[in-house]
């Protein structure tokens, strides 16, 4: 469990160590006159000065020191400045700054078994220094490995799109914010043993694998064409129906079933054709 400690200011200890150092130098210059007593005083002064300097510790902004005393966790210093701690403490530096992890592009299979390429950008920082220092061997490597595992699991859990799974509520391509939220949640669960906080996680790269990209592109184009044609036909049928109703209501011309069928056929060709229709003028009667 993380324990925050606030050590004493280091300025007084720094001043005292300098005084001891100067005293040691003065004793060294008087060795010939004082004899063994000055030698002992000099050694004591130098050793005490080094001992005091060993206990000085500088903590920069957004950094911390995890203190350990012969294998026992003492606490964590998160306050910035110059401090003095027990010189026998060992201090482990742990950065509290936010860090970016640009994961490599992974080649995995989606839920439908299609090979895809996926990559993510993850913003993280250390939230619990005790877990980061003692619960995992190397928290930076732990973040990298678990993040890759989370991205792979995300890709395996959802289809790339709904071409093969039309009932899919969430797809990787159209999931957007929802997919990012799922990724963040899984990363928090995986990285909490290391005391890591996830600030943001987003999919940065998503595409079909090169070996099937061409085929999938053709499939998407075909699907788009079919959808567009469906809309065109629906609109054309409505326009033909409206034209026949208006002709009947205004009694502009009387058409039998055969002529209605011919008119419908011509209108459908004109409305659904990809090119502009070429008009043909009939200079005879309607039935010629």
Protein backbone atom coordinates (compact mmCIF):
# COMPACT_ATOMS: atom_id res chain seq x y z
CA UNK A 1 0.00 0.00 0.00
CA UNK A 2 1.37 3.40 -0.98
CA UNK A 3 2.29 5.68 1.93
CA UNK A 4 3.11 9.34 1.37
CA UNK A 5 5.86 10.76 3.62
CA UNK A 6 7.22 14.28 3.95
CA UNK A 7 10.88 14.35 5.00
CA UNK A 8 12.60 17.30 6.60
CA UNK A 9 13.97 20.13 4.51
CA UNK A 10 17.46 19.52 3.18
CA UNK A 11 18.78 23.09 3.33
CA UNK A 12 19.80 22.85 6.98
CA UNK A 13 21.45 19.49 6.36
CA UNK A 14 23.29 20.93 3.35
CA UNK A 15 24.56 23.84 5.44
CA UNK A 16 25.65 21.50 8.23
CA UNK A 17 27.49 19.20 5.80
CA UNK A 18 29.36 22.19 4.35
CA UNK A 19 30.33 23.34 7.85
CA UNK A 20 31.62 19.86 8.66
CA UNK A 21 33.54 19.76 5.40
CA UNK A 22 35.21 23.12 6.11
CA UNK A 23 35.96 21.98 9.67
CA UNK A 24 37.64 18.85 8.34
CA UNK A 25 39.80 20.94 6.04
CA UNK A 26 40.78 23.24 8.92
CA UNK A 27 41.67 20.25 11.11
CA UNK A 28 43.76 18.87 8.26
CA UNK A 29 45.80 22.07 8.13
CA UNK A 30 46.48 21.87 11.88
CA UNK A 31 47.55 18.22 12.05
CA UNK A 32 51.22 19.04 12.70
CA UNK A 33 50.32 21.18 15.69
CA UNK A 34 47.48 19.09 17.16
CA UNK A 35 48.76 15.62 16.48
CA UNK A 36 46.52 12.56 16.62
CA UNK A 37 43.58 14.46 18.09
CA UNK A 38 43.32 16.64 14.99
CA UNK A 39 43.58 13.60 12.76
CA UNK A 40 40.63 12.00 14.52
CA UNK A 41 38.63 15.28 14.36
CA UNK A 42 39.42 15.61 10.65
CA UNK A 43 38.26 12.06 9.89
CA UNK A 44 35.09 12.49 11.93
CA UNK A 45 34.30 15.77 10.18
CA UNK A 46 34.82 14.34 6.69
CA UNK A 47 32.81 11.17 7.43
CA UNK A 48 29.97 13.16 9.01
CA UNK A 49 29.93 15.56 6.04
CA UNK A 50 29.74 12.70 3.53
CA UNK A 51 27.06 11.04 5.66
CA UNK A 52 24.95 14.21 5.61
CA UNK A 53 25.46 14.68 1.86
CA UNK A 54 24.39 11.06 1.27
CA UNK A 55 21.02 11.83 2.89
CA UNK A 56 20.28 14.83 0.65
CA UNK A 57 17.67 14.20 -2.02
CA UNK A 58 16.27 16.41 -4.80
CA UNK A 59 12.75 15.67 -6.10
CA UNK A 60 11.84 17.39 -9.37
CA UNK A 61 8.26 18.33 -10.38
CA UNK A 62 6.12 15.32 -11.38
CA UNK A 63 8.71 12.92 -9.97
CA UNK A 64 8.80 10.86 -6.80
CA UNK A 65 11.18 8.81 -4.66
CA UNK A 66 10.26 5.43 -3.24
CA UNK A 67 12.20 4.96 0.01
CA UNK A 68 13.38 1.55 1.20
CA UNK A 69 15.23 0.72 4.42
CA UNK A 70 17.02 -2.65 4.24
CA UNK A 71 14.15 -4.30 2.32
CA UNK A 72 11.33 -2.55 4.14
CA UNK A 73 9.14 -0.01 2.36
CA UNK A 74 9.28 3.29 4.22
CA UNK A 75 7.13 5.55 2.03
CA UNK A 76 7.00 7.69 -1.08
CA UNK A 77 8.08 11.31 -1.39
CA UNK A 78 5.98 13.20 -3.98
CA UNK A 79 6.63 16.76 -2.81
CA UNK A 80 9.14 18.75 -4.85
CA UNK A 81 12.30 20.30 -3.43
CA UNK A 82 15.47 19.51 -1.49
CA UNK A 83 15.01 17.05 1.39
CA UNK A 84 17.06 15.15 3.91
CA UNK A 85 16.30 11.52 4.69
CA UNK A 86 18.08 8.77 6.52
CA UNK A 87 21.33 8.23 4.58
CA UNK A 88 20.81 4.48 4.92
CA UNK A 89 17.60 4.68 2.87
CA UNK A 90 17.70 3.58 -0.76
CA UNK A 91 15.64 5.82 -3.04
CA UNK A 92 14.06 4.62 -6.29
CA UNK A 93 13.12 7.29 -8.83
CA UNK A 94 9.59 6.92 -10.25
CA UNK A 95 8.29 9.46 -12.77
CA UNK A 96 4.72 10.69 -12.34
CA UNK A 97 4.56 12.37 -15.75
CA UNK A 98 2.09 11.24 -18.42
CA UNK A 99 3.68 9.11 -21.11
CA UNK A 100 2.59 8.07 -24.61
CA UNK A 101 2.73 4.51 -25.85
CA UNK A 102 2.57 4.30 -29.63
CA UNK A 103 1.97 0.60 -30.02
CA UNK A 104 3.24 -1.18 -33.10
CA UNK A 105 0.72 -2.15 -35.77
CA UNK A 106 -0.49 -5.66 -34.94
CA UNK A 107 -1.74 -8.22 -37.44
CA UNK A 108 -4.60 -10.17 -35.83
CA UNK A 109 -7.92 -11.78 -36.74
CA UNK A 110 -11.20 -10.06 -35.97
CA UNK A 111 -14.25 -11.85 -34.57
CA UNK A 112 -15.16 -13.22 -38.00
CA UNK A 113 -11.64 -14.56 -38.60
CA UNK A 114 -10.60 -11.90 -41.12
CA UNK A 115 -6.94 -10.80 -40.84
CA UNK A 116 -6.72 -7.12 -39.98
CA UNK A 117 -4.08 -4.58 -38.95
CA UNK A 118 -4.71 -2.59 -35.78
CA UNK A 119 -2.73 -0.16 -33.66
CA UNK A 120 -3.49 2.07 -30.67
CA UNK A 121 -2.13 5.15 -28.90
CA UNK A 122 -2.25 4.96 -25.11
CA UNK A 123 -1.61 7.79 -22.64
CA UNK A 124 -0.70 6.53 -19.18
CA UNK A 125 0.98 7.55 -15.93
CA UNK A 126 1.95 6.01 -12.61
CA UNK A 127 -0.80 6.39 -10.00
CA UNK A 128 0.50 4.09 -7.25
CA UNK A 129 4.27 4.18 -6.78
CA UNK A 130 4.33 1.19 -4.40
CA UNK A 131 2.71 -1.12 -6.98
CA UNK A 132 4.87 0.24 -9.80
CA UNK A 133 8.07 -0.30 -7.80
CA UNK A 134 7.38 -3.60 -6.04
CA UNK A 135 4.41 -5.47 -7.59
CA UNK A 136 5.90 -5.77 -11.09
CA UNK A 137 9.46 -6.24 -12.29
CA UNK A 138 9.51 -3.35 -14.76
CA UNK A 139 6.35 -1.27 -14.97
CA UNK A 140 7.24 0.28 -18.37
CA UNK A 141 7.66 -3.15 -19.98
CA UNK A 142 4.53 -4.32 -18.18
CA UNK A 143 2.52 -1.47 -19.75
CA UNK A 144 3.83 -2.28 -23.22
CA UNK A 145 3.10 -6.02 -23.00
CA UNK A 146 -0.34 -5.72 -21.42
CA UNK A 147 -1.37 -2.97 -23.83
CA UNK A 148 -0.54 -5.19 -26.79
CA UNK A 149 -2.56 -8.02 -25.22
CA UNK A 150 -5.53 -5.69 -24.66
CA UNK A 151 -5.50 -4.48 -28.28
CA UNK A 152 -5.35 -8.08 -29.54
CA UNK A 153 -8.27 -9.07 -27.33
CA UNK A 154 -10.28 -6.07 -28.55
CA UNK A 155 -9.70 -7.03 -32.19
CA UNK A 156 -10.75 -10.63 -31.52
CA UNK A 157 -13.94 -9.55 -29.74
CA UNK A 158 -15.60 -7.53 -32.53
CA UNK A 159 -15.94 -7.79 -36.32
CA UNK A 160 -14.18 -5.27 -38.51
CA UNK A 161 -17.52 -4.16 -39.99
CA UNK A 162 -21.04 -5.50 -40.39
CA UNK A 163 -20.63 -6.91 -43.89
CA UNK A 164 -20.48 -10.47 -42.56
CA UNK A 165 -22.24 -9.94 -39.23
CA UNK A 166 -25.23 -7.69 -39.93
CA UNK A 167 -26.52 -8.12 -36.37
CA UNK A 168 -23.31 -6.80 -34.77
CA UNK A 169 -24.12 -3.91 -32.43
CA UNK A 170 -20.48 -2.76 -32.28
CA UNK A 171 -17.85 -2.98 -35.01
CA UNK A 172 -14.23 -1.88 -34.97
CA UNK A 173 -14.69 0.44 -37.96
CA UNK A 174 -17.87 2.14 -36.82
CA UNK A 175 -17.61 1.71 -33.04
CA UNK A 176 -15.74 4.96 -32.53
CA UNK A 177 -16.05 6.27 -28.98
CA UNK A 178 -17.60 3.04 -27.71
CA UNK A 179 -14.66 0.94 -28.90
CA UNK A 180 -12.20 3.37 -27.29
CA UNK A 181 -14.12 3.19 -24.00
CA UNK A 182 -13.99 -0.62 -24.06
CA UNK A 183 -10.24 -0.48 -24.71
CA UNK A 184 -9.69 1.98 -21.84
CA UNK A 185 -11.68 -0.20 -19.44
CA UNK A 186 -9.74 -3.34 -20.31
CA UNK A 187 -6.41 -1.50 -20.03
CA UNK A 188 -7.34 -0.24 -16.56
CA UNK A 189 -8.14 -3.79 -15.45
CA UNK A 190 -4.91 -5.19 -16.88
CA UNK A 191 -2.62 -2.41 -15.61
CA UNK A 192 -4.11 -1.81 -12.17
CA UNK A 193 -1.73 -4.43 -10.59
CA UNK A 194 1.14 -2.14 -11.60
CA UNK A 195 -0.51 1.02 -10.25
CA UNK A 196 -0.92 2.50 -13.74
CA UNK A 197 -3.65 5.01 -14.64
CA UNK A 198 -4.94 5.18 -18.24
CA UNK A 199 -5.64 8.77 -19.28
CA UNK A 200 -6.65 8.01 -22.86
CA UNK A 201 -6.66 5.11 -25.31
CA UNK A 202 -7.58 5.39 -28.98
CA UNK A 203 -7.36 3.23 -32.08
CA UNK A 204 -4.77 4.92 -34.31
CA UNK A 205 -4.67 2.43 -37.20
CA UNK A 206 -7.30 0.03 -38.53
CA UNK A 207 -7.30 -1.71 -41.90
CA UNK A 208 -7.69 -5.09 -43.54
CA UNK A 209 -4.47 -7.07 -43.97
CA UNK A 210 -2.85 -6.57 -47.41
CA UNK A 211 -3.67 -10.10 -48.59
CA UNK A 212 -7.44 -9.50 -48.38
CA UNK A 213 -7.62 -5.72 -48.64
CA UNK A 214 -8.31 -5.78 -52.40
CA UNK A 215 -11.09 -8.35 -52.15
CA UNK A 216 -12.71 -6.55 -49.22
CA UNK A 217 -12.56 -3.25 -51.08
CA UNK A 218 -14.38 -4.80 -54.04
CA UNK A 219 -16.95 -6.24 -51.65
CA UNK A 220 -17.52 -2.87 -50.03
CA UNK A 221 -17.85 -1.22 -53.44
CA UNK A 222 -20.35 -3.86 -54.55
CA UNK A 223 -22.37 -3.38 -51.38
CA UNK A 224 -22.39 0.38 -51.89
CA UNK A 225 -23.48 -0.02 -55.53
CA UNK A 226 -26.32 -2.37 -54.57
CA UNK A 227 -27.49 0.03 -51.85
CA UNK A 228 -27.40 2.96 -54.29
CA UNK A 229 -29.27 1.02 -56.96
CA UNK A 230 -31.91 0.05 -54.42
CA UNK A 231 -32.53 3.69 -53.59
CA UNK A 232 -32.67 4.60 -57.29
CA UNK A 233 -35.21 1.87 -58.03
CA UNK A 234 -37.37 2.84 -55.06
CA UNK A 235 -37.38 6.46 -56.23
CA UNK A 236 -38.07 5.49 -59.85
CA UNK A 237 -41.04 3.31 -58.89
CA UNK A 238 -42.49 6.17 -56.86
CA UNK A 239 -42.06 8.61 -59.76
CA UNK A 240 -43.69 6.21 -62.25
CA UNK A 241 -46.59 5.62 -59.88
CA UNK A 242 -47.04 9.37 -59.41
CA UNK A 243 -46.94 9.96 -63.19
CA UNK A 244 -49.62 7.34 -63.88
CA UNK A 245 -51.85 8.69 -61.11
CA UNK A 246 -51.57 12.27 -62.37
CA UNK A 247 -52.33 11.22 -65.96
CA UNK A 248 -55.40 9.34 -64.77
CA UNK A 249 -56.63 12.17 -62.54
CA UNK A 250 -56.26 14.93 -65.14
CA UNK A 251 -57.44 12.64 -67.95
CA UNK A 252 -54.72 13.90 -70.24
CA UNK A 253 -54.55 10.64 -72.17
CA UNK A 254 -56.27 7.28 -71.86
CA UNK A 255 -53.84 4.36 -71.71
CA UNK A 256 -54.70 0.71 -71.86
CA UNK A 257 -52.73 -1.89 -69.93
CA UNK A 258 -50.34 -2.51 -72.83
CA UNK A 259 -49.47 1.16 -73.21
CA UNK A 260 -49.15 1.58 -69.46
CA UNK A 261 -46.65 -1.29 -69.41
CA UNK A 262 -44.68 0.32 -72.25
CA UNK A 263 -44.71 3.68 -70.49
CA UNK A 264 -43.56 2.13 -67.23
CA UNK A 265 -40.77 0.31 -69.04
CA UNK A 266 -39.58 3.49 -70.78
CA UNK A 267 -39.70 5.56 -67.59
CA UNK A 268 -37.81 2.93 -65.62
CA UNK A 269 -35.10 2.83 -68.29
CA UNK A 270 -34.82 6.63 -68.25
CA UNK A 271 -34.82 6.96 -64.47
CA UNK A 272 -32.55 4.01 -63.67
CA UNK A 273 -30.12 4.32 -66.56
CA UNK A 274 -26.55 5.44 -65.90
CA UNK A 275 -26.48 7.63 -69.02
CA UNK A 276 -28.84 10.35 -70.18
CA UNK A 277 -31.70 9.07 -72.34
CA UNK A 278 -31.78 9.87 -76.06
CA UNK A 279 -35.29 11.01 -77.01
CA UNK A 280 -37.06 9.50 -80.04
CA UNK A 281 -39.80 11.61 -81.62
CA UNK A 282 -42.92 9.82 -82.81
CA UNK A 283 -44.43 11.74 -85.75
CA UNK A 284 -47.26 9.29 -86.21
CA UNK A 285 -50.16 8.42 -83.98
CA UNK A 286 -49.84 7.11 -80.47
CA UNK A 287 -50.36 3.53 -81.66
CA UNK A 288 -47.79 3.60 -84.44
